[in-house]
Amino acid sequence: MKVETVRDDPFASNVYRVGEALIDAGDDPTRLPPSDEVEAVYLTHTHGDHAGALAGYDVPVYVHAAEKDAEPLSDSDVRGIREGDEFFLGGSKLRVLHTPGHSPGSVCYWSPDEGVVFSGDLLFDNGAPGRADTPDGDAEELRESIERLASLGAERVYPGHREPFEGIAEKARVAVNLL
């Protein structure tokens, strides 16, 4: 799977381009490719730092049903996704995993064939877990989602912030102990 990082700033959200689609959108529309070069955006969740750049971005936006009415999506062509849905990006099949905890509709996109997962704000390269102290967060759900992610045996993880990484089992063990 060819993954291009459109934005990789340690303090900002990562936006990944896979084929003609984006995974997450960040909050700065000037850093996104023109919408006529993108077929769709697949969100890991709808917090402003992952979806804020979508205003005026004219492509379908796929998001878990629990967050389809979120404020950053008010002008978007929103399409619901749920656990187990599958789709192809850049010739690779990805499966939706509902991984709540950071937000009610947080999802990961998992490619078992490629051993790759896009984890949103669930787990980071330094072993830190996503935040559960947000108004819509839940620490126990976050713990369960991290443990589920670790059980996949992914070879490469593309998080919503910081750097892509390998060694998911060790990172998950650290994260669960921090919760």
Foldseek 3Di string as FASTA:
>chain_A
DDWDFLDADQVAWTWIAFAQEIEFDAQDLVSDDQLVSHAEYEYQACDNRRQNNCVVNAHEYEFAPVHQPPPSCPPHNYDHDDFQDWDDTNNFIWGWHQQAFLARGGIKTDGLVQLEIEREQLFDPVLAGGDQPPPRGHHVSSLVSLVVVLVSNRQWYHYGHHHIDGDSNVSSVSHSVVD
